[in-house]
Amino acid sequence: MTAEDFRSQAMKCAQLRDWRRQESSWREYVRLRPDDSVGIARLGFVLNQRDKHEESIVHLKMSMDLGAGAYDLFAYYADSHEKLGHTGDAHRMVIQTGNDWGRTRYAAPK
């Protein structure tokens, strides 16, 4: 399968809330497109949903290092840190981004 096939499959799994298959599809996509910050972030999102917070943080940080930056990215990053008890790290990262939502309580995803 191509990277686009894996991306398409991951998006369908997201609609079905099939986190396990979505994770597998994003992993394959990222394997084929290791510099795609959006794909890496989406893998981080699904890892967060599956309570794999340490790994989620790694992928979300990698996405930020590649230049990505969006509300959901920062929210999931802070949420994973918070769920691991790293609230100080999450709060510092939020303040460093300069986003207005950082003044609220992390705006964690549901």
PDB file of N, CA and C in Angstrom:
ATOM      1  N   MET A   1       0.833  -1.181   0.000  1.00  0.00           N
ATOM      2  CA  MET A   1       0.000   0.000   0.000  1.00  0.00           C
ATOM      3  C   MET A   1       0.884   1.253   0.000  1.00  0.00           C
ATOM      4  N   THR A   2       0.348   2.326  -0.532  1.00  0.00           N
ATOM      5  CA  THR A   2       1.076   3.595  -0.564  1.00  0.00           C
ATOM      6  C   THR A   2       0.801   4.389   0.709  1.00  0.00           C
ATOM      7  N   ALA A   3       1.586   5.437   0.889  1.00  0.00           N
ATOM      8  CA  ALA A   3       1.372   6.319   2.041  1.00  0.00           C
ATOM      9  C   ALA A   3      -0.042   6.897   2.004  1.00  0.00           C
ATOM     10  N   GLU A   4      -0.497   7.292   0.830  1.00  0.00           N
ATOM     11  CA  GLU A   4      -1.853   7.846   0.704  1.00  0.00           C
ATOM     12  C   GLU A   4      -2.927   6.821   1.065  1.00  0.00           C
ATOM     13  N   ASP A   5      -2.691   5.558   0.721  1.00  0.00           N
ATOM     14  CA  ASP A   5      -3.636   4.503   1.102  1.00  0.00           C
ATOM     15  C   ASP A   5      -3.735   4.401   2.622  1.00  0.00           C
ATOM     16  N   PHE A   6      -2.585   4.441   3.289  1.00  0.00           N
ATOM     17  CA  PHE A   6      -2.581   4.364   4.754  1.00  0.00           C
ATOM     18  C   PHE A   6      -3.255   5.589   5.370  1.00  0.00           C
ATOM     19  N   ARG A   7      -3.006   6.769   4.789  1.00  0.00           N
ATOM     20  CA  ARG A   7      -3.643   7.986   5.301  1.00  0.00           C
ATOM     21  C   ARG A   7      -5.156   7.886   5.151  1.00  0.00           C
ATOM     22  N   SER A   8      -5.614   7.462   3.996  1.00  0.00           N
ATOM     23  CA  SER A   8      -7.046   7.317   3.735  1.00  0.00           C
ATOM     24  C   SER A   8      -7.667   6.298   4.687  1.00  0.00           C
ATOM     25  N   GLN A   9      -6.990   5.197   4.894  1.00  0.00           N
ATOM     26  CA  GLN A   9      -7.479   4.167   5.806  1.00  0.00           C
ATOM     27  C   GLN A   9      -7.555   4.708   7.234  1.00  0.00           C
ATOM     28  N   ALA A  10      -6.536   5.470   7.649  1.00  0.00           N
ATOM     29  CA  ALA A  10      -6.531   6.050   8.995  1.00  0.00           C
ATOM     30  C   ALA A  10      -7.701   7.009   9.180  1.00  0.00           C
ATOM     31  N   MET A  11      -7.998   7.804   8.162  1.00  0.00           N
ATOM     32  CA  MET A  11      -9.104   8.748   8.259  1.00  0.00           C
ATOM     33  C   MET A  11     -10.445   8.017   8.382  1.00  0.00           C
ATOM     34  N   LYS A  12     -10.610   6.914   7.650  1.00  0.00           N
ATOM     35  CA  LYS A  12     -11.841   6.125   7.767  1.00  0.00           C
ATOM     36  C   LYS A  12     -11.955   5.517   9.160  1.00  0.00           C
ATOM     37  N   CYS A  13     -10.824   5.021   9.680  1.00  0.00           N
ATOM     38  CA  CYS A  13     -10.830   4.442  11.029  1.00  0.00           C
ATOM     39  C   CYS A  13     -11.155   5.507  12.068  1.00  0.00           C
ATOM     40  N   ALA A  14     -10.726   6.732  11.844  1.00  0.00           N
ATOM     41  CA  ALA A  14     -11.025   7.824  12.776  1.00  0.00           C
ATOM     42  C   ALA A  14     -12.534   8.061  12.838  1.00  0.00           C
ATOM     43  N   GLN A  15     -13.186   8.033  11.682  1.00  0.00           N
ATOM     44  CA  GLN A  15     -14.638   8.228  11.646  1.00  0.00           C
ATOM     45  C   GLN A  15     -15.364   7.133  12.406  1.00  0.00           C
ATOM     46  N   LEU A  16     -14.793   5.932  12.386  1.00  0.00           N
ATOM     47  CA  LEU A  16     -15.394   4.785  13.069  1.00  0.00           C
ATOM     48  C   LEU A  16     -14.924   4.671  14.522  1.00  0.00           C
ATOM     49  N   ARG A  17     -14.023   5.565  14.916  1.00  0.00           N
ATOM     50  CA  ARG A  17     -13.413   5.522  16.251  1.00  0.00           C
ATOM     51  C   ARG A  17     -12.733   4.185  16.530  1.00  0.00           C
ATOM     52  N   ASP A  18     -12.122   3.641  15.474  1.00  0.00           N
ATOM     53  CA  ASP A  18     -11.346   2.403  15.584  1.00  0.00           C
ATOM     54  C   ASP A  18      -9.891   2.814  15.826  1.00  0.00           C
ATOM     55  N   TRP A  19      -9.582   3.110  17.097  1.00  0.00           N
ATOM     56  CA  TRP A  19      -8.271   3.672  17.441  1.00  0.00           C
ATOM     57  C   TRP A  19      -7.131   2.705  17.133  1.00  0.00           C
ATOM     58  N   ARG A  20      -7.352   1.408  17.336  1.00  0.00           N
ATOM     59  CA  ARG A  20      -6.293   0.427  17.102  1.00  0.00           C
ATOM     60  C   ARG A  20      -5.875   0.398  15.636  1.00  0.00           C
ATOM     61  N   ARG A  21      -6.848   0.304  14.748  1.00  0.00           N
ATOM     62  CA  ARG A  21      -6.524   0.287  13.312  1.00  0.00           C
ATOM     63  C   ARG A  21      -6.029   1.654  12.846  1.00  0.00           C
ATOM     64  N   GLN A  22      -6.568   2.710  13.432  1.00  0.00           N
ATOM     65  CA  GLN A  22      -6.097   4.046  13.066  1.00  0.00           C
ATOM     66  C   GLN A  22      -4.620   4.187  13.447  1.00  0.00           C
ATOM     67  N   GLU A  23      -4.271   3.735  14.648  1.00  0.00           N
ATOM     68  CA  GLU A  23      -2.866   3.796  15.067  1.00  0.00           C
ATOM     69  C   GLU A  23      -1.974   3.026  14.098  1.00  0.00           C
ATOM     70  N   SER A  24      -2.376   1.838  13.751  1.00  0.00           N
ATOM     71  CA  SER A  24      -1.594   1.013  12.828  1.00  0.00           C
ATOM     72  C   SER A  24      -1.412   1.706  11.475  1.00  0.00           C
ATOM     73  N   SER A  25      -2.471   2.310  10.977  1.00  0.00           N
ATOM     74  CA  SER A  25      -2.400   3.004   9.678  1.00  0.00           C
ATOM     75  C   SER A  25      -1.481   4.221   9.743  1.00  0.00           C
ATOM     76  N   TRP A  26      -1.592   5.012  10.821  1.00  0.00           N
ATOM     77  CA  TRP A  26      -0.718   6.179  10.942  1.00  0.00           C
ATOM     78  C   TRP A  26       0.736   5.757  11.117  1.00  0.00           C
ATOM     79  N   ARG A  27       0.980   4.657  11.818  1.00  0.00           N
ATOM     80  CA  ARG A  27       2.359   4.166  11.959  1.00  0.00           C
ATOM     81  C   ARG A  27       2.958   3.849  10.592  1.00  0.00           C
ATOM     82  N   GLU A  28       2.188   3.175   9.765  1.00  0.00           N
ATOM     83  CA  GLU A  28       2.677   2.840   8.419  1.00  0.00           C
ATOM     84  C   GLU A  28       2.868   4.101   7.575  1.00  0.00           C
ATOM     85  N   TYR A  29       1.942   5.027   7.689  1.00  0.00           N
ATOM     86  CA  TYR A  29       2.062   6.285   6.956  1.00  0.00           C
ATOM     87  C   TYR A  29       3.352   7.015   7.346  1.00  0.00           C
ATOM     88  N   VAL A  30       3.583   7.118   8.652  1.00  0.00           N
ATOM     89  CA  VAL A  30       4.775   7.829   9.154  1.00  0.00           C
ATOM     90  C   VAL A  30       6.050   7.091   8.764  1.00  0.00           C
ATOM     91  N   ARG A  31       5.984   5.763   8.718  1.00  0.00           N
ATOM     92  CA  ARG A  31       7.145   4.984   8.270  1.00  0.00           C
ATOM     93  C   ARG A  31       7.517   5.362   6.833  1.00  0.00           C
ATOM     94  N   LEU A  32       6.498   5.571   6.015  1.00  0.00           N
ATOM     95  CA  LEU A  32       6.729   5.927   4.610  1.00  0.00           C
ATOM     96  C   LEU A  32       6.983   7.418   4.407  1.00  0.00           C
ATOM     97  N   ARG A  33       6.473   8.250   5.301  1.00  0.00           N
ATOM     98  CA  ARG A  33       6.629   9.709   5.220  1.00  0.00           C
ATOM     99  C   ARG A  33       7.138  10.254   6.556  1.00  0.00           C
ATOM    100  N   PRO A  34       8.389   9.970   6.908  1.00  0.00           N
ATOM    101  CA  PRO A  34       8.899  10.334   8.242  1.00  0.00           C
ATOM    102  C   PRO A  34       9.038  11.831   8.494  1.00  0.00           C
ATOM    103  N   ASP A  35       8.924  12.657   7.475  1.00  0.00           N
ATOM    104  CA  ASP A  35       9.050  14.104   7.655  1.00  0.00           C
ATOM    105  C   ASP A  35       7.713  14.835   7.574  1.00  0.00           C
ATOM    106  N   ASP A  36       6.615  14.098   7.541  1.00  0.00           N
ATOM    107  CA  ASP A  36       5.292  14.713   7.448  1.00  0.00           C
ATOM    108  C   ASP A  36       4.812  15.055   8.854  1.00  0.00           C
ATOM    109  N   SER A  37       4.926  16.324   9.219  1.00  0.00           N
ATOM    110  CA  SER A  37       4.590  16.749  10.581  1.00  0.00           C
ATOM    111  C   SER A  37       3.115  16.517  10.911  1.00  0.00           C
ATOM    112  N   VAL A  38       2.236  16.635   9.939  1.00  0.00           N
ATOM    113  CA  VAL A  38       0.807  16.429  10.188  1.00  0.00           C
ATOM    114  C   VAL A  38       0.526  14.952  10.478  1.00  0.00           C
ATOM    115  N   GLY A  39       1.103  14.064   9.688  1.00  0.00           N
ATOM    116  CA  GLY A  39       0.919  12.630   9.926  1.00  0.00           C
ATOM    117  C   GLY A  39       1.472  12.201  11.281  1.00  0.00           C
ATOM    118  N   ILE A  40       2.626  12.747  11.636  1.00  0.00           N
ATOM    119  CA  ILE A  40       3.235  12.437  12.929  1.00  0.00           C
ATOM    120  C   ILE A  40       2.336  12.942  14.057  1.00  0.00           C
ATOM    121  N   ALA A  41       1.789  14.143  13.895  1.00  0.00           N
ATOM    122  CA  ALA A  41       0.879  14.691  14.909  1.00  0.00           C
ATOM    123  C   ALA A  41      -0.367  13.823  15.046  1.00  0.00           C
ATOM    124  N   ARG A  42      -0.922  13.384  13.932  1.00  0.00           N
ATOM    125  CA  ARG A  42      -2.130  12.560  13.994  1.00  0.00           C
ATOM    126  C   ARG A  42      -1.850  11.228  14.682  1.00  0.00           C
ATOM    127  N   LEU A  43      -0.648  10.682  14.474  1.00  0.00           N
ATOM    128  CA  LEU A  43      -0.264   9.484  15.213  1.00  0.00           C
ATOM    129  C   LEU A  43      -0.213   9.803  16.704  1.00  0.00           C
ATOM    130  N   GLY A  44       0.338  10.950  17.058  1.00  0.00           N
ATOM    131  CA  GLY A  44       0.370  11.373  18.458  1.00  0.00           C
ATOM    132  C   GLY A  44      -1.023  11.520  19.049  1.00  0.00           C
ATOM    133  N   PHE A  45      -1.976  12.030  18.259  1.00  0.00           N
ATOM    134  CA  PHE A  45      -3.356  12.190  18.740  1.00  0.00           C
ATOM    135  C   PHE A  45      -3.967  10.831  19.093  1.00  0.00           C
ATOM    136  N   VAL A  46      -3.821   9.873  18.177  1.00  0.00           N
ATOM    137  CA  VAL A  46      -4.437   8.566  18.413  1.00  0.00           C
ATOM    138  C   VAL A  46      -3.732   7.836  19.557  1.00  0.00           C
ATOM    139  N   LEU A  47      -2.432   8.028  19.709  1.00  0.00           N
ATOM    140  CA  LEU A  47      -1.730   7.431  20.847  1.00  0.00           C
ATOM    141  C   LEU A  47      -2.268   8.007  22.153  1.00  0.00           C
ATOM    142  N   ASN A  48      -2.573   9.294  22.167  1.00  0.00           N
ATOM    143  CA  ASN A  48      -3.186   9.917  23.334  1.00  0.00           C
ATOM    144  C   ASN A  48      -4.541   9.262  23.611  1.00  0.00           C
ATOM    145  N   GLN A  49      -5.349   9.088  22.591  1.00  0.00           N
ATOM    146  CA  GLN A  49      -6.667   8.474  22.747  1.00  0.00           C
ATOM    147  C   GLN A  49      -6.573   7.056  23.291  1.00  0.00           C
ATOM    148  N   ARG A  50      -5.460   6.384  22.989  1.00  0.00           N
ATOM    149  CA  ARG A  50      -5.263   4.995  23.440  1.00  0.00           C
ATOM    150  C   ARG A  50      -4.492   4.932  24.754  1.00  0.00           C
ATOM    151  N   ASP A  51      -4.328   6.078  25.413  1.00  0.00           N
ATOM    152  CA  ASP A  51      -3.621   6.164  26.702  1.00  0.00           C
ATOM    153  C   ASP A  51      -2.163   5.717  26.616  1.00  0.00           C
ATOM    154  N   LYS A  52      -1.541   5.950  25.481  1.00  0.00           N
ATOM    155  CA  LYS A  52      -0.113   5.684  25.307  1.00  0.00           C
ATOM    156  C   LYS A  52       0.603   7.038  25.353  1.00  0.00           C
ATOM    157  N   HIS A  53       0.556   7.657  26.512  1.00  0.00           N
ATOM    158  CA  HIS A  53       0.950   9.061  26.636  1.00  0.00           C
ATOM    159  C   HIS A  53       2.437   9.313  26.458  1.00  0.00           C
ATOM    160  N   GLU A  54       3.289   8.431  26.935  1.00  0.00           N
ATOM    161  CA  GLU A  54       4.732   8.645  26.742  1.00  0.00           C
ATOM    162  C   GLU A  54       5.077   8.673  25.260  1.00  0.00           C
ATOM    163  N   GLU A  55       4.529   7.712  24.522  1.00  0.00           N
ATOM    164  CA  GLU A  55       4.785   7.659  23.084  1.00  0.00           C
ATOM    165  C   GLU A  55       4.092   8.815  22.359  1.00  0.00           C
ATOM    166  N   SER A  56       2.928   9.195  22.827  1.00  0.00           N
ATOM    167  CA  SER A  56       2.223  10.332  22.243  1.00  0.00           C
ATOM    168  C   SER A  56       3.083  11.590  22.332  1.00  0.00           C
ATOM    169  N   ILE A  57       3.654  11.828  23.500  1.00  0.00           N
ATOM    170  CA  ILE A  57       4.502  13.012  23.705  1.00  0.00           C
ATOM    171  C   ILE A  57       5.669  13.017  22.731  1.00  0.00           C
ATOM    172  N   VAL A  58       6.290  11.861  22.535  1.00  0.00           N
ATOM    173  CA  VAL A  58       7.427  11.767  21.608  1.00  0.00           C
ATOM    174  C   VAL A  58       7.012  12.202  20.207  1.00  0.00           C
ATOM    175  N   HIS A  59       5.879  11.685  19.725  1.00  0.00           N
ATOM    176  CA  HIS A  59       5.443  12.011  18.364  1.00  0.00           C
ATOM    177  C   HIS A  59       4.957  13.459  18.247  1.00  0.00           C
ATOM    178  N   LEU A  60       4.248  13.934  19.244  1.00  0.00           N
ATOM    179  CA  LEU A  60       3.774  15.323  19.180  1.00  0.00           C
ATOM    180  C   LEU A  60       4.940  16.297  19.218  1.00  0.00           C
ATOM    181  N   LYS A  61       5.941  16.020  20.036  1.00  0.00           N
ATOM    182  CA  LYS A  61       7.134  16.874  20.090  1.00  0.00           C
ATOM    183  C   LYS A  61       7.882  16.827  18.760  1.00  0.00           C
ATOM    184  N   MET A  62       7.979  15.634  18.169  1.00  0.00           N
ATOM    185  CA  MET A  62       8.627  15.487  16.867  1.00  0.00           C
ATOM    186  C   MET A  62       7.907  16.340  15.821  1.00  0.00           C
ATOM    187  N   SER A  63       6.581  16.331  15.863  1.00  0.00           N
ATOM    188  CA  SER A  63       5.797  17.129  14.927  1.00  0.00           C
ATOM    189  C   SER A  63       6.078  18.620  15.119  1.00  0.00           C
ATOM    190  N   MET A  64       6.129  19.059  16.383  1.00  0.00           N
ATOM    191  CA  MET A  64       6.446  20.466  16.660  1.00  0.00           C
ATOM    192  C   MET A  64       7.850  20.816  16.179  1.00  0.00           C
ATOM    193  N   ASP A  65       8.792  19.901  16.382  1.00  0.00           N
ATOM    194  CA  ASP A  65      10.170  20.132  15.941  1.00  0.00           C
ATOM    195  C   ASP A  65      10.264  20.269  14.425  1.00  0.00           C
ATOM    196  N   LEU A  66       9.323  19.644  13.716  1.00  0.00           N
ATOM    197  CA  LEU A  66       9.279  19.757  12.259  1.00  0.00           C
ATOM    198  C   LEU A  66       8.540  21.014  11.795  1.00  0.00           C
ATOM    199  N   GLY A  67       8.047  21.803  12.760  1.00  0.00           N
ATOM    200  CA  GLY A  67       7.422  23.070  12.404  1.00  0.00           C
ATOM    201  C   GLY A  67       5.917  23.128  12.551  1.00  0.00           C
ATOM    202  N   ALA A  68       5.301  22.019  12.945  1.00  0.00           N
ATOM    203  CA  ALA A  68       3.844  22.029  13.110  1.00  0.00           C
ATOM    204  C   ALA A  68       3.476  22.819  14.356  1.00  0.00           C
ATOM    205  N   GLY A  69       2.316  23.397  14.326  1.00  0.00           N
ATOM    206  CA  GLY A  69       1.815  24.132  15.477  1.00  0.00           C
ATOM    207  C   GLY A  69       0.353  24.456  15.275  1.00  0.00           C
ATOM    208  N   ALA A  70      -0.482  23.839  16.078  1.00  0.00           N
ATOM    209  CA  ALA A  70      -1.921  24.080  16.000  1.00  0.00           C
ATOM    210  C   ALA A  70      -2.519  23.809  17.370  1.00  0.00           C
ATOM    211  N   TYR A  71      -3.688  24.352  17.600  1.00  0.00           N
ATOM    212  CA  TYR A  71      -4.363  24.208  18.884  1.00  0.00           C
ATOM    213  C   TYR A  71      -4.418  22.751  19.332  1.00  0.00           C
ATOM    214  N   ASP A  72      -4.896  21.848  18.454  1.00  0.00           N
ATOM    215  CA  ASP A  72      -5.035  20.441  18.825  1.00  0.00           C
ATOM    216  C   ASP A  72      -3.695  19.825  19.197  1.00  0.00           C
ATOM    217  N   LEU A  73      -2.656  20.172  18.471  1.00  0.00           N
ATOM    218  CA  LEU A  73      -1.321  19.642  18.752  1.00  0.00           C
ATOM    219  C   LEU A  73      -0.890  20.015  20.168  1.00  0.00           C
ATOM    220  N   PHE A  74      -1.010  21.278  20.519  1.00  0.00           N
ATOM    221  CA  PHE A  74      -0.606  21.724  21.845  1.00  0.00           C
ATOM    222  C   PHE A  74      -1.520  21.159  22.927  1.00  0.00           C
ATOM    223  N   ALA A  75      -2.810  21.049  22.632  1.00  0.00           N
ATOM    224  CA  ALA A  75      -3.757  20.522  23.613  1.00  0.00           C
ATOM    225  C   ALA A  75      -3.472  19.050  23.918  1.00  0.00           C
ATOM    226  N   TYR A  76      -3.261  18.250  22.888  1.00  0.00           N
ATOM    227  CA  TYR A  76      -2.953  16.840  23.115  1.00  0.00           C
ATOM    228  C   TYR A  76      -1.604  16.681  23.822  1.00  0.00           C
ATOM    229  N   TYR A  77      -0.639  17.495  23.447  1.00  0.00           N
ATOM    230  CA  TYR A  77       0.682  17.450  24.090  1.00  0.00           C
ATOM    231  C   TYR A  77       0.555  17.750  25.587  1.00  0.00           C
ATOM    232  N   ALA A  78      -0.158  18.803  25.925  1.00  0.00           N
ATOM    233  CA  ALA A  78      -0.360  19.167  27.329  1.00  0.00           C
ATOM    234  C   ALA A  78      -1.179  18.099  28.048  1.00  0.00           C
ATOM    235  N   ASP A  79      -2.189  17.541  27.387  1.00  0.00           N
ATOM    236  CA  ASP A  79      -3.026  16.520  27.990  1.00  0.00           C
ATOM    237  C   ASP A  79      -2.211  15.273  28.333  1.00  0.00           C
ATOM    238  N   SER A  80      -1.355  14.823  27.423  1.00  0.00           N
ATOM    239  CA  SER A  80      -0.538  13.644  27.708  1.00  0.00           C
ATOM    240  C   SER A  80       0.422  13.910  28.859  1.00  0.00           C
ATOM    241  N   HIS A  81       1.024  15.096  28.867  1.00  0.00           N
ATOM    242  CA  HIS A  81       1.900  15.446  29.993  1.00  0.00           C
ATOM    243  C   HIS A  81       1.114  15.440  31.303  1.00  0.00           C
ATOM    244  N   GLU A  82      -0.059  16.030  31.286  1.00  0.00           N
ATOM    245  CA  GLU A  82      -0.869  16.098  32.498  1.00  0.00           C
ATOM    246  C   GLU A  82      -1.246  14.700  32.992  1.00  0.00           C
ATOM    247  N   LYS A  83      -1.627  13.819  32.072  1.00  0.00           N
ATOM    248  CA  LYS A  83      -2.034  12.473  32.464  1.00  0.00           C
ATOM    249  C   LYS A  83      -0.871  11.651  33.009  1.00  0.00           C
ATOM    250  N   LEU A  84       0.351  12.048  32.682  1.00  0.00           N
ATOM    251  CA  LEU A  84       1.537  11.391  33.243  1.00  0.00           C
ATOM    252  C   LEU A  84       2.020  12.088  34.509  1.00  0.00           C
ATOM    253  N   GLY A  85       1.297  13.134  34.907  1.00  0.00           N
ATOM    254  CA  GLY A  85       1.668  13.857  36.115  1.00  0.00           C
ATOM    255  C   GLY A  85       2.721  14.924  35.902  1.00  0.00           C
ATOM    256  N   HIS A  86       2.977  15.275  34.650  1.00  0.00           N
ATOM    257  CA  HIS A  86       3.978  16.285  34.305  1.00  0.00           C
ATOM    258  C   HIS A  86       3.317  17.646  34.111  1.00  0.00           C
ATOM    259  N   THR A  87       2.503  18.066  35.031  1.00  0.00           N
ATOM    260  CA  THR A  87       1.746  19.300  34.823  1.00  0.00           C
ATOM    261  C   THR A  87       2.649  20.517  34.674  1.00  0.00           C
ATOM    262  N   GLY A  88       3.775  20.542  35.372  1.00  0.00           N
ATOM    263  CA  GLY A  88       4.705  21.670  35.229  1.00  0.00           C
ATOM    264  C   GLY A  88       5.251  21.754  33.815  1.00  0.00           C
ATOM    265  N   ASP A  89       5.631  20.598  33.237  1.00  0.00           N
ATOM    266  CA  ASP A  89       6.144  20.566  31.869  1.00  0.00           C
ATOM    267  C   ASP A  89       5.069  21.018  30.883  1.00  0.00           C
ATOM    268  N   ALA A  90       3.862  20.539  31.072  1.00  0.00           N
ATOM    269  CA  ALA A  90       2.768  20.913  30.176  1.00  0.00           C
ATOM    270  C   ALA A  90       2.505  22.409  30.262  1.00  0.00           C
ATOM    271  N   HIS A  91       2.462  22.934  31.481  1.00  0.00           N
ATOM    272  CA  HIS A  91       2.178  24.357  31.663  1.00  0.00           C
ATOM    273  C   HIS A  91       3.278  25.221  31.046  1.00  0.00           C
ATOM    274  N   ARG A  92       4.546  24.849  31.239  1.00  0.00           N
ATOM    275  CA  ARG A  92       5.662  25.618  30.646  1.00  0.00           C
ATOM    276  C   ARG A  92       5.582  25.609  29.125  1.00  0.00           C
ATOM    277  N   MET A  93       5.259  24.459  28.538  1.00  0.00           N
ATOM    278  CA  MET A  93       5.166  24.380  27.087  1.00  0.00           C
ATOM    279  C   MET A  93       4.048  25.267  26.580  1.00  0.00           C
ATOM    280  N   VAL A  94       2.928  25.255  27.256  1.00  0.00           N
ATOM    281  CA  VAL A  94       1.782  26.063  26.839  1.00  0.00           C
ATOM    282  C   VAL A  94       2.137  27.542  26.887  1.00  0.00           C
ATOM    283  N   ILE A  95       2.770  27.973  27.955  1.00  0.00           N
ATOM    284  CA  ILE A  95       3.153  29.385  28.080  1.00  0.00           C
ATOM    285  C   ILE A  95       4.153  29.763  26.992  1.00  0.00           C
ATOM    286  N   GLN A  96       5.090  28.876  26.681  1.00  0.00           N
ATOM    287  CA  GLN A  96       6.092  29.167  25.659  1.00  0.00           C
ATOM    288  C   GLN A  96       5.464  29.352  24.282  1.00  0.00           C
ATOM    289  N   THR A  97       4.346  28.683  24.013  1.00  0.00           N
ATOM    290  CA  THR A  97       3.718  28.825  22.695  1.00  0.00           C
ATOM    291  C   THR A  97       3.085  30.193  22.525  1.00  0.00           C
ATOM    292  N   GLY A  98       2.743  30.825  23.660  1.00  0.00           N
ATOM    293  CA  GLY A  98       2.133  32.145  23.570  1.00  0.00           C
ATOM    294  C   GLY A  98       0.686  32.116  23.143  1.00  0.00           C
ATOM    295  N   ASN A  99       0.070  30.941  23.162  1.00  0.00           N
ATOM    296  CA  ASN A  99      -1.332  30.833  22.761  1.00  0.00           C
ATOM    297  C   ASN A  99      -2.246  31.300  23.872  1.00  0.00           C
ATOM    298  N   ASP A 100      -3.327  31.966  23.525  1.00  0.00           N
ATOM    299  CA  ASP A 100      -4.280  32.463  24.503  1.00  0.00           C
ATOM    300  C   ASP A 100      -4.878  31.345  25.349  1.00  0.00           C
ATOM    301  N   TRP A 101      -5.118  30.175  24.743  1.00  0.00           N
ATOM    302  CA  TRP A 101      -5.742  29.104  25.496  1.00  0.00           C
ATOM    303  C   TRP A 101      -4.850  28.621  26.625  1.00  0.00           C
ATOM    304  N   GLY A 102      -3.574  28.963  26.612  1.00  0.00           N
ATOM    305  CA  GLY A 102      -2.655  28.549  27.666  1.00  0.00           C
ATOM    306  C   GLY A 102      -3.001  29.158  29.008  1.00  0.00           C
ATOM    307  N   ARG A 103      -3.750  30.240  29.005  1.00  0.00           N
ATOM    308  CA  ARG A 103      -4.137  30.866  30.264  1.00  0.00           C
ATOM    309  C   ARG A 103      -5.294  30.122  30.928  1.00  0.00           C
ATOM    310  N   THR A 104      -5.949  29.251  30.165  1.00  0.00           N
ATOM    311  CA  THR A 104      -6.988  28.407  30.753  1.00  0.00           C
ATOM    312  C   THR A 104      -6.330  27.094  31.190  1.00  0.00           C
ATOM    313  N   ARG A 105      -7.087  26.187  31.667  1.00  0.00           N
ATOM    314  CA  ARG A 105      -6.533  24.938  32.172  1.00  0.00           C
ATOM    315  C   ARG A 105      -6.315  23.942  31.040  1.00  0.00           C
ATOM    316  N   TYR A 106      -5.322  24.138  30.218  1.00  0.00           N
ATOM    317  CA  TYR A 106      -4.827  23.256  29.172  1.00  0.00           C
ATOM    318  C   TYR A 106      -5.792  22.961  28.024  1.00  0.00           C
ATOM    319  N   ALA A 107      -7.056  23.166  28.181  1.00  0.00           N
ATOM    320  CA  ALA A 107      -8.030  22.846  27.123  1.00  0.00           C
ATOM    321  C   ALA A 107      -7.838  21.426  26.637  1.00  0.00           C
ATOM    322  N   ALA A 108      -7.779  20.479  27.530  1.00  0.00           N
ATOM    323  CA  ALA A 108      -7.507  19.079  27.186  1.00  0.00           C
ATOM    324  C   ALA A 108      -8.596  18.501  26.299  1.00  0.00           C
ATOM    325  N   PRO A 109      -8.201  17.646  25.349  1.00  0.00           N
ATOM    326  CA  PRO A 109      -9.182  17.025  24.454  1.00  0.00           C
ATOM    327  C   PRO A 109     -10.060  16.043  25.204  1.00  0.00           C
ATOM    328  N   LYS A 110     -11.226  15.810  24.693  1.00  0.00           N
ATOM    329  CA  LYS A 110     -12.168  14.876  25.331  1.00  0.00           C
ATOM    330  C   LYS A 110     -11.996  13.496  24.756  1.00  0.00           C
TER     331      LYS A 110
END
